[in-house]
Amino acid sequence: MWLIILLFLAIAFIIITTTKFKWHPFLSLLIAAIGFGAFSGTMSLEQVVKSVNTGFGNTVGFIGIVILAGSIIGTFLEKSGGAHALATSTLKIVGKKNVPLALSIIGYIVSIPVFCDSGFIIISPLAKAMTKEVKISFAVGAIALSLGLIITHSIIPPTPGPIGAAGILNADLGLVIILGIPVSLAGLIAAWMFAVKIVPKIKYEYVHEPIEATKEINDYPSATKSLLPIFTPILLIIMRSVAQLPSAPFGTGNISGIISFLGQPIIALLIGVALALLLPKKLTKDMISSTGWVGEAVLAAATIIIITGCGGAFGQVLQSSGIGDFIKENLSGAKSLGILLPIIIAASFKTAQGSGTVAIITGASLMAPLLEPLGMDSPMAKALVVVALGSGSLMASHVNDSYFWVVTQLSKMNVNQGYKLQTLGTFTTGVVCSLAAWIMSLFIL
């Protein structure tokens, strides 16, 4: 029972130090990992250090290059104008009458490789212009965009949270994408409905300002060209997962081997990087230098990689302590929660400390030793746990979340309006995604 008490103390330590004392998550996770191991009574100090090193190294080895590559793709998509090109093309397809739907779809697509904070900053000027042109409240467009962005940011690789969780749980990224797409689409529908049905009822005033173009439209890559770095890696990763099914749909020869090689997340994302390098009108040496676009992307990815690695260290220490065996013997009732357990864990962490990525990664660390005792250790179950963690991490964006402030400040919402619009919106989409994941679990677990 001491291990359970110690686990709650470790969780409390992470939450308090990251929220009240504003510690960096990597420091909180690393200290919690070492502290848990040292006081567990089941491990020597040497074993604690070994577990920390093993967990950190294995996790970073699995996701490090993938996150770096995803960050580079996102940066080139952002700075080349590719994100803007996708936005305008989506609007042409759905029409001006469906601006909220267009913005939700734009956010959904753009946030697969781009951080949702950056995505909102990039697309917000376009959202202002679109809502102004069709004479609807900017709040409707802002929330439709915001929710579309955060859904894929939380659920669909190659965003850092799902990749980090997959690394910690040793889940197949292709299966995570396959299971995550229907869950995230359910959330997308909820986001759009919330924006058009609920947001207009909330009192909000915004005076549209003139929109100034920051880049010549001729400098933008085409929408098709902008889509390639996003969907080519996803397609390759999915094909690899299909190729490895017991039925071997691509056979067992050279073709299957090539597909399996190209679908390795590292190779698939590097192919995405190569395609992203084609986005600028003219690729220069400065762009790929250590101080240019690539350098910025590497710096942005470094923090996430370190946090994820420390989450892996925490998870490995938990596993090595034998807490999974205790739960298997004494907490069999937790099995009845099924997929709701990772949802509750991620939602609790998200609400307490604000970062969805930290919530997903920490939740994966806690779930890692519980997968076998709870009967969630099959490849499909592991992938669904990652999706469930992402769904739970949507609930809910409020004042301790940097994304809350990005959305509210750029939309000129006060805190009260932010709670009614952004917080309630993320809660609604989180509940819908969680419900979709639970329904899926009825057929998988």
Protein backbone atom coordinates (compact mmCIF):
# COMPACT_ATOMS: atom_id res chain seq x y z
CA MET A 1 0.00 0.00 0.00
CA TRP A 2 2.99 2.28 0.57
CA LEU A 3 3.63 2.29 -3.20
CA ILE A 4 0.13 3.64 -3.86
CA ILE A 5 0.53 6.35 -1.20
CA LEU A 6 3.94 7.22 -2.62
CA LEU A 7 2.43 7.41 -6.13
CA PHE A 8 -0.18 9.94 -4.98
CA LEU A 9 2.55 11.95 -3.24
CA ALA A 10 4.60 11.94 -6.46
CA ILE A 11 1.60 13.09 -8.49
CA ALA A 12 0.86 15.84 -5.96
CA PHE A 13 4.51 16.91 -6.10
CA ILE A 14 4.39 17.19 -9.91
CA ILE A 15 1.15 19.19 -9.87
CA ILE A 16 2.16 21.57 -7.05
CA THR A 17 5.66 22.28 -8.33
CA THR A 18 4.52 22.89 -11.94
CA THR A 19 1.46 25.01 -11.04
CA LYS A 20 2.15 26.83 -7.76
CA PHE A 21 5.93 27.14 -7.98
CA LYS A 22 6.13 27.26 -11.79
CA TRP A 23 8.89 24.66 -12.03
CA HIS A 24 9.81 23.34 -15.45
CA PRO A 25 7.99 20.00 -15.98
CA PHE A 26 11.23 18.14 -16.76
CA LEU A 27 12.60 19.00 -13.29
CA SER A 28 9.39 17.97 -11.53
CA LEU A 29 9.14 14.67 -13.42
CA LEU A 30 12.80 13.80 -12.90
CA ILE A 31 12.76 14.51 -9.16
CA ALA A 32 9.46 12.62 -8.81
CA ALA A 33 10.99 9.63 -10.61
CA ILE A 34 14.11 9.53 -8.44
CA GLY A 35 12.17 10.25 -5.26
CA PHE A 36 9.59 7.54 -5.93
CA GLY A 37 12.29 4.97 -6.62
CA ALA A 38 14.40 5.96 -3.63
CA PHE A 39 11.52 5.75 -1.14
CA SER A 40 9.72 2.78 -2.70
CA GLY A 41 11.58 0.23 -0.59
CA THR A 42 11.61 -2.21 -3.52
CA MET A 43 14.65 -0.86 -5.38
CA SER A 44 18.26 -0.14 -4.52
CA LEU A 45 19.57 3.34 -5.27
CA GLU A 46 21.64 1.87 -8.07
CA GLN A 47 18.51 0.30 -9.60
CA VAL A 48 16.73 3.66 -9.36
CA VAL A 49 19.44 5.40 -11.37
CA LYS A 50 19.51 2.55 -13.89
CA SER A 51 15.72 2.73 -14.34
CA VAL A 52 15.82 6.51 -14.82
CA ASN A 53 18.55 6.21 -17.44
CA THR A 54 16.83 3.32 -19.20
CA GLY A 55 13.42 5.00 -19.26
CA PHE A 56 14.79 8.33 -20.46
CA GLY A 57 17.05 6.78 -23.11
CA ASN A 58 14.49 4.35 -24.51
CA THR A 59 11.81 7.02 -24.76
CA VAL A 60 14.00 9.67 -26.38
CA GLY A 61 15.41 7.01 -28.70
CA PHE A 62 11.87 6.22 -29.85
CA ILE A 63 10.51 9.74 -30.28
CA GLY A 64 13.45 12.17 -30.41
CA ILE A 65 14.04 12.34 -34.17
CA VAL A 66 10.31 12.02 -34.86
CA ILE A 67 9.49 15.11 -32.78
CA LEU A 68 12.41 17.01 -34.33
CA ALA A 69 11.22 16.15 -37.83
CA GLY A 70 7.63 17.07 -37.00
CA SER A 71 8.79 20.41 -35.61
CA ILE A 72 10.74 21.19 -38.80
CA ILE A 73 7.73 20.35 -40.97
CA GLY A 74 5.52 22.61 -38.85
CA THR A 75 7.99 25.50 -38.95
CA PHE A 76 8.34 25.38 -42.74
CA LEU A 77 4.57 25.10 -43.15
CA GLU A 78 4.15 28.15 -40.94
CA LYS A 79 6.87 30.40 -42.32
CA SER A 80 6.45 29.54 -46.01
CA GLY A 81 2.79 30.52 -45.99
CA GLY A 82 1.67 26.93 -46.55
CA ALA A 83 -0.73 27.08 -43.60
CA HIS A 84 -2.36 30.17 -45.08
CA ALA A 85 -2.64 28.46 -48.48
CA LEU A 86 -4.42 25.51 -46.86
CA ALA A 87 -6.78 27.90 -45.12
CA THR A 88 -7.82 29.79 -48.24
CA SER A 89 -8.26 26.57 -50.24
CA THR A 90 -10.45 25.05 -47.54
CA LEU A 91 -12.64 28.15 -47.59
CA LYS A 92 -13.10 27.80 -51.36
CA ILE A 93 -14.23 24.20 -50.91
CA VAL A 94 -16.77 24.69 -48.10
CA GLY A 95 -17.93 28.15 -49.18
CA LYS A 96 -18.32 31.45 -47.35
CA LYS A 97 -21.59 30.33 -45.76
CA ASN A 98 -19.69 27.69 -43.83
CA VAL A 99 -16.89 29.80 -42.40
CA PRO A 100 -17.00 28.17 -38.90
CA LEU A 101 -16.80 24.70 -40.46
CA ALA A 102 -13.96 25.86 -42.72
CA LEU A 103 -12.01 27.22 -39.76
CA SER A 104 -12.52 24.01 -37.75
CA ILE A 105 -11.27 21.94 -40.68
CA ILE A 106 -8.33 24.30 -41.23
CA GLY A 107 -7.37 24.00 -37.56
CA TYR A 108 -7.82 20.22 -37.65
CA ILE A 109 -5.39 19.88 -40.59
CA VAL A 110 -2.84 22.54 -39.67
CA SER A 111 -2.36 21.33 -36.09
CA ILE A 112 -1.22 17.86 -37.13
CA PRO A 113 2.36 19.14 -37.59
CA VAL A 114 2.05 22.66 -36.09
CA PHE A 115 1.63 23.42 -32.37
CA CYS A 116 -1.89 24.66 -31.70
CA ASP A 117 -0.57 27.90 -30.16
CA SER A 118 1.39 28.68 -33.33
CA GLY A 119 -1.48 27.51 -35.51
CA PHE A 120 -3.91 29.95 -33.90
CA ILE A 121 -1.45 32.82 -34.28
CA ILE A 122 -0.91 31.94 -37.96
CA ILE A 123 -4.58 31.51 -38.92
CA SER A 124 -6.15 34.12 -36.61
CA PRO A 125 -5.72 37.03 -39.08
CA LEU A 126 -7.41 34.96 -41.78
CA ALA A 127 -10.22 34.06 -39.37
CA LYS A 128 -10.77 37.75 -38.67
CA ALA A 129 -10.99 38.52 -42.38
CA MET A 130 -13.34 35.60 -43.06
CA THR A 131 -15.76 36.39 -40.24
CA LYS A 132 -15.72 40.08 -41.13
CA GLU A 133 -16.57 39.33 -44.76
CA VAL A 134 -19.57 37.13 -43.93
CA LYS A 135 -20.63 39.40 -41.03
CA ILE A 136 -20.59 36.88 -38.16
CA SER A 137 -19.09 37.25 -34.69
CA PHE A 138 -15.34 36.75 -34.61
CA ALA A 139 -15.87 34.66 -31.47
CA VAL A 140 -17.59 32.01 -33.61
CA GLY A 141 -14.62 31.83 -35.97
CA ALA A 142 -12.02 32.02 -33.22
CA ILE A 143 -13.51 29.17 -31.19
CA ALA A 144 -14.14 27.03 -34.28
CA LEU A 145 -10.47 27.46 -35.20
CA SER A 146 -9.22 27.02 -31.63
CA LEU A 147 -11.08 23.76 -31.06
CA GLY A 148 -10.15 22.34 -34.45
CA LEU A 149 -6.50 23.04 -33.66
CA ILE A 150 -6.43 21.51 -30.20
CA ILE A 151 -8.18 18.26 -31.21
CA THR A 152 -5.49 16.98 -33.58
CA HIS A 153 -2.77 18.54 -31.40
CA SER A 154 -3.95 16.25 -28.61
CA ILE A 155 -4.79 13.05 -30.49
CA ILE A 156 -3.09 12.65 -33.88
CA PRO A 157 0.69 12.05 -34.31
CA PRO A 158 3.15 13.55 -35.16
CA THR A 159 2.27 16.08 -32.45
CA PRO A 160 4.51 15.58 -29.39
CA GLY A 161 1.92 14.39 -26.85
CA PRO A 162 0.66 11.33 -28.76
CA ILE A 163 4.17 10.48 -29.97
CA GLY A 164 5.56 10.72 -26.44
CA ALA A 165 2.75 8.56 -25.02
CA ALA A 166 3.24 5.99 -27.78
CA GLY A 167 6.95 5.85 -26.96
CA ILE A 168 6.34 5.37 -23.24
CA LEU A 169 3.64 2.72 -23.80
CA ASN A 170 5.44 1.10 -26.75
CA ALA A 171 2.35 1.63 -28.89
CA ASP A 172 2.31 1.42 -32.69
CA LEU A 173 2.00 4.94 -34.17
CA GLY A 174 0.12 3.67 -37.19
CA LEU A 175 -2.55 2.12 -34.98
CA VAL A 176 -2.70 5.33 -32.92
CA ILE A 177 -3.44 7.28 -36.11
CA ILE A 178 -6.00 4.73 -37.34
CA LEU A 179 -7.90 4.76 -34.02
CA GLY A 180 -7.35 8.48 -33.46
CA ILE A 181 -8.88 9.65 -36.74
CA PRO A 182 -12.51 8.58 -36.02
CA VAL A 183 -12.25 9.80 -32.42
CA SER A 184 -10.86 13.16 -33.51
CA LEU A 185 -13.49 13.51 -36.26
CA ALA A 186 -16.21 13.07 -33.63
CA GLY A 187 -14.53 15.89 -31.71
CA LEU A 188 -14.35 18.01 -34.87
CA ILE A 189 -18.11 17.73 -35.37
CA ALA A 190 -18.65 18.68 -31.72
CA ALA A 191 -16.30 21.66 -32.11
CA TRP A 192 -18.17 22.93 -35.15
CA MET A 193 -21.58 22.46 -33.49
CA PHE A 194 -20.39 24.23 -30.34
CA ALA A 195 -19.10 27.16 -32.40
CA VAL A 196 -22.33 27.66 -34.36
CA LYS A 197 -24.90 26.77 -31.67
CA ILE A 198 -23.43 27.86 -28.32
CA VAL A 199 -20.89 30.62 -29.03
CA PRO A 200 -23.39 33.09 -30.59
CA LYS A 201 -25.37 33.02 -27.33
CA ILE A 202 -22.39 34.30 -25.31
CA LYS A 203 -22.09 38.09 -25.04
CA TYR A 204 -19.00 39.17 -26.93
CA GLU A 205 -18.00 42.37 -28.70
CA TYR A 206 -15.13 42.68 -31.11
CA VAL A 207 -14.40 45.56 -33.47
CA HIS A 208 -12.81 44.21 -36.64
CA GLU A 209 -9.54 45.84 -37.55
CA PRO A 210 -8.10 46.19 -41.06
CA ILE A 211 -6.17 43.06 -42.05
CA GLU A 212 -2.73 43.70 -43.44
CA ALA A 213 -1.09 41.08 -45.62
CA THR A 214 2.30 40.07 -44.28
CA LYS A 215 3.39 38.13 -47.37
CA GLU A 216 2.68 38.39 -51.07
CA ILE A 217 0.14 35.76 -52.10
CA ASN A 218 2.40 34.72 -54.98
CA ASP A 219 5.00 33.63 -52.42
CA TYR A 220 2.69 31.00 -50.93
CA PRO A 221 3.06 27.35 -51.94
CA SER A 222 -0.03 25.64 -53.35
CA ALA A 223 -2.46 23.88 -51.01
CA THR A 224 -1.60 20.51 -52.57
CA LYS A 225 2.10 21.12 -52.07
CA SER A 226 1.41 22.18 -48.47
CA LEU A 227 -0.56 19.02 -47.75
CA LEU A 228 2.18 16.64 -48.88
CA PRO A 229 4.54 17.09 -45.87
CA ILE A 230 1.57 16.48 -43.53
CA PHE A 231 -0.18 13.51 -45.05
CA THR A 232 2.66 11.63 -46.76
CA PRO A 233 4.25 10.58 -43.41
CA ILE A 234 0.83 9.71 -41.98
CA LEU A 235 -0.02 7.56 -44.99
CA LEU A 236 3.34 5.78 -44.86
CA ILE A 237 3.01 5.06 -41.14
CA ILE A 238 -0.52 3.69 -41.62
CA MET A 239 0.60 1.51 -44.54
CA ARG A 240 3.36 0.02 -42.40
CA SER A 241 0.86 -0.91 -39.69
CA VAL A 242 -1.39 -2.52 -42.30
CA ALA A 243 1.57 -4.39 -43.82
CA GLN A 244 2.35 -5.91 -40.42
CA LEU A 245 -1.14 -7.29 -39.86
CA PRO A 246 -1.27 -11.11 -39.46
CA SER A 247 -3.07 -11.38 -42.81
CA ALA A 248 -0.05 -9.73 -44.52
CA PRO A 249 -2.11 -7.82 -47.15
CA PHE A 250 1.07 -6.67 -48.96
CA GLY A 251 2.62 -10.12 -48.86
CA THR A 252 5.91 -11.09 -47.24
CA GLY A 253 8.33 -10.17 -50.02
CA ASN A 254 10.29 -7.10 -51.02
CA ILE A 255 7.24 -4.84 -51.40
CA SER A 256 6.18 -5.47 -47.82
CA GLY A 257 9.75 -4.88 -46.66
CA ILE A 258 9.98 -1.56 -48.48
CA ILE A 259 6.62 -0.42 -47.09
CA SER A 260 7.69 -1.41 -43.58
CA PHE A 261 10.94 0.53 -43.97
CA LEU A 262 9.35 3.68 -45.39
CA GLY A 263 6.61 3.52 -42.74
CA GLN A 264 9.05 3.58 -39.84
CA PRO A 265 8.09 6.84 -38.07
CA ILE A 266 11.63 8.22 -38.34
CA ILE A 267 11.88 7.51 -42.08
CA ALA A 268 8.32 8.69 -42.78
CA LEU A 269 8.83 11.99 -40.96
CA LEU A 270 12.21 12.57 -42.63
CA ILE A 271 10.47 12.14 -46.00
CA GLY A 272 7.98 14.74 -44.72
CA VAL A 273 10.91 17.05 -43.92
CA ALA A 274 12.25 16.64 -47.46
CA LEU A 275 8.84 17.60 -48.85
CA ALA A 276 8.63 20.55 -46.43
CA LEU A 277 11.93 21.90 -47.78
CA LEU A 278 10.15 22.34 -51.12
CA LEU A 279 7.56 24.72 -49.65
CA PRO A 280 9.50 28.02 -49.70
CA LYS A 281 9.54 29.84 -53.03
CA LYS A 282 13.33 29.69 -52.79
CA LEU A 283 15.18 27.54 -50.26
CA THR A 284 18.18 29.42 -48.88
CA LYS A 285 21.16 28.42 -46.77
CA ASP A 286 19.89 30.63 -43.96
CA MET A 287 16.64 28.66 -43.71
CA ILE A 288 18.43 25.39 -42.96
CA SER A 289 21.10 26.93 -40.72
CA SER A 290 21.31 26.64 -36.95
CA THR A 291 19.89 30.16 -36.63
CA GLY A 292 17.30 29.83 -39.38
CA TRP A 293 14.01 27.96 -39.67
CA VAL A 294 15.58 24.57 -38.94
CA GLY A 295 17.41 26.00 -35.92
CA GLU A 296 14.17 27.47 -34.55
CA ALA A 297 12.41 24.12 -35.04
CA VAL A 298 15.16 22.22 -33.22
CA LEU A 299 15.01 24.59 -30.24
CA ALA A 300 11.21 24.31 -30.10
CA ALA A 301 11.41 20.50 -30.16
CA ALA A 302 14.17 20.20 -27.55
CA THR A 303 11.96 21.09 -24.58
CA ILE A 304 9.28 18.58 -25.58
CA ILE A 305 11.83 15.83 -26.09
CA ILE A 306 13.34 16.42 -22.63
CA ILE A 307 9.92 16.48 -20.93
CA THR A 308 8.91 13.30 -22.73
CA GLY A 309 12.17 11.59 -21.79
CA CYS A 310 11.64 12.45 -18.12
CA GLY A 311 8.09 11.12 -18.39
CA GLY A 312 9.57 7.88 -19.72
CA ALA A 313 12.02 7.80 -16.80
CA PHE A 314 9.14 8.23 -14.34
CA GLY A 315 7.19 5.44 -16.03
CA GLN A 316 10.17 3.09 -16.00
CA VAL A 317 10.77 3.66 -12.28
CA LEU A 318 7.09 2.90 -11.61
CA GLN A 319 7.36 -0.33 -13.57
CA SER A 320 10.59 -1.37 -11.87
CA SER A 321 9.10 -0.73 -8.42
CA GLY A 322 6.56 -3.53 -8.87
CA ILE A 323 3.52 -1.29 -8.45
CA GLY A 324 1.85 -3.09 -11.36
CA ASP A 325 1.93 -6.39 -9.46
CA PHE A 326 0.35 -4.73 -6.43
CA ILE A 327 -2.47 -3.31 -8.53
CA LYS A 328 -3.01 -6.66 -10.22
CA GLU A 329 -3.40 -8.35 -6.84
CA ASN A 330 -5.26 -5.66 -4.89
CA LEU A 331 -6.99 -3.22 -7.22
CA SER A 332 -8.74 -5.50 -9.67
CA GLY A 333 -11.79 -3.25 -9.40
CA ALA A 334 -9.93 -0.62 -11.43
CA LYS A 335 -10.26 -2.95 -14.41
CA SER A 336 -13.96 -2.12 -14.56
CA LEU A 337 -13.05 1.46 -15.43
CA GLY A 338 -11.45 0.25 -18.63
CA ILE A 339 -10.48 3.03 -21.00
CA LEU A 340 -12.03 5.61 -18.66
CA LEU A 341 -8.97 5.32 -16.39
CA PRO A 342 -6.46 6.97 -18.77
CA ILE A 343 -9.12 9.54 -19.69
CA ILE A 344 -9.63 10.48 -16.04
CA ILE A 345 -5.87 10.59 -15.37
CA ALA A 346 -5.14 12.86 -18.35
CA ALA A 347 -8.12 15.13 -17.67
CA SER A 348 -7.04 15.53 -14.04
CA PHE A 349 -3.49 16.45 -15.00
CA LYS A 350 -4.62 18.81 -17.76
CA THR A 351 -7.03 20.66 -15.48
CA ALA A 352 -4.48 20.83 -12.66
CA GLN A 353 -1.36 22.00 -14.48
CA GLY A 354 -2.50 23.30 -17.87
CA SER A 355 -0.22 21.60 -20.40
CA GLY A 356 -1.96 18.99 -22.52
CA THR A 357 1.37 17.52 -23.63
CA VAL A 358 2.56 17.11 -20.03
CA ALA A 359 -0.83 15.61 -19.10
CA ILE A 360 -0.59 13.02 -21.89
CA ILE A 361 3.04 12.14 -21.16
CA THR A 362 2.57 11.94 -17.38
CA GLY A 363 -0.63 9.95 -17.86
CA ALA A 364 1.25 7.51 -20.11
CA SER A 365 3.94 7.16 -17.43
CA LEU A 366 1.29 6.23 -14.87
CA MET A 367 -0.51 3.86 -17.24
CA ALA A 368 2.64 2.02 -18.38
CA PRO A 369 2.90 -0.35 -15.39
CA LEU A 370 -0.89 -0.83 -15.33
CA LEU A 371 -1.41 -2.04 -18.90
CA GLU A 372 -0.80 -5.73 -18.22
CA PRO A 373 -2.71 -5.87 -14.88
CA LEU A 374 -5.67 -4.08 -16.49
CA GLY A 375 -5.63 -6.23 -19.63
CA MET A 376 -4.64 -3.38 -21.95
CA ASP A 377 -1.33 -4.74 -23.21
CA SER A 378 -2.38 -5.79 -26.73
CA PRO A 379 -1.18 -3.59 -29.64
CA MET A 380 -4.70 -2.26 -30.31
CA ALA A 381 -5.34 -1.61 -26.62
CA LYS A 382 -2.05 0.30 -26.21
CA ALA A 383 -2.92 2.48 -29.21
CA LEU A 384 -6.40 3.15 -27.81
CA VAL A 385 -4.91 4.13 -24.44
CA VAL A 386 -2.81 6.77 -26.24
CA VAL A 387 -5.96 8.08 -27.96
CA ALA A 388 -7.83 8.05 -24.64
CA LEU A 389 -5.05 10.04 -22.96
CA GLY A 390 -5.24 12.60 -25.76
CA SER A 391 -9.03 12.80 -25.43
CA GLY A 392 -8.81 13.32 -21.69
CA SER A 393 -6.13 15.99 -22.10
CA LEU A 394 -8.65 18.17 -23.98
CA MET A 395 -10.53 18.78 -20.71
CA ALA A 396 -10.20 21.64 -20.12
CA SER A 397 -8.20 24.69 -21.27
CA HIS A 398 -8.36 27.44 -18.65
CA VAL A 399 -6.18 30.08 -17.01
CA ASN A 400 -3.22 27.78 -16.27
CA ASP A 401 -2.95 26.85 -19.95
CA SER A 402 -0.85 29.05 -22.26
CA TYR A 403 -3.19 28.21 -25.15
CA PHE A 404 -6.10 29.74 -23.22
CA TRP A 405 -4.27 33.05 -23.12
CA VAL A 406 -3.22 32.88 -26.79
CA VAL A 407 -6.85 32.42 -27.85
CA THR A 408 -8.39 34.94 -25.47
CA GLN A 409 -5.80 37.69 -25.96
CA LEU A 410 -5.75 37.49 -29.76
CA SER A 411 -9.57 37.40 -29.74
CA LYS A 412 -9.84 40.19 -27.14
CA MET A 413 -11.90 38.09 -24.75
CA ASN A 414 -11.90 38.75 -21.02
CA VAL A 415 -11.32 35.86 -18.62
CA ASN A 416 -15.03 35.34 -17.99
CA GLN A 417 -15.72 35.12 -21.72
CA GLY A 418 -12.72 32.82 -22.09
CA TYR A 419 -14.22 30.39 -19.57
CA LYS A 420 -17.60 30.43 -21.32
CA LEU A 421 -16.09 30.02 -24.79
CA GLN A 422 -12.64 28.38 -24.74
CA THR A 423 -12.90 26.39 -21.50
CA LEU A 424 -16.44 25.13 -22.11
CA GLY A 425 -15.58 24.42 -25.74
CA THR A 426 -12.53 22.30 -24.92
CA PHE A 427 -14.51 20.50 -22.21
CA THR A 428 -17.29 19.70 -24.69
CA THR A 429 -14.93 18.38 -27.37
CA GLY A 430 -12.99 16.43 -24.73
CA VAL A 431 -16.15 14.73 -23.50
CA VAL A 432 -17.22 13.83 -27.04
CA CYS A 433 -13.77 12.45 -27.95
CA SER A 434 -13.65 10.50 -24.68
CA LEU A 435 -17.10 9.07 -25.35
CA ALA A 436 -15.99 8.04 -28.85
CA ALA A 437 -12.87 6.37 -27.39
CA TRP A 438 -15.02 4.55 -24.81
CA ILE A 439 -17.42 3.27 -27.48
CA MET A 440 -14.43 2.07 -29.50
CA SER A 441 -13.09 0.28 -26.42
CA LEU A 442 -16.25 -1.84 -26.25
CA PHE A 443 -15.14 -3.52 -29.48
CA ILE A 444 -11.37 -3.58 -28.83
CA LEU A 445 -10.82 -4.35 -25.14
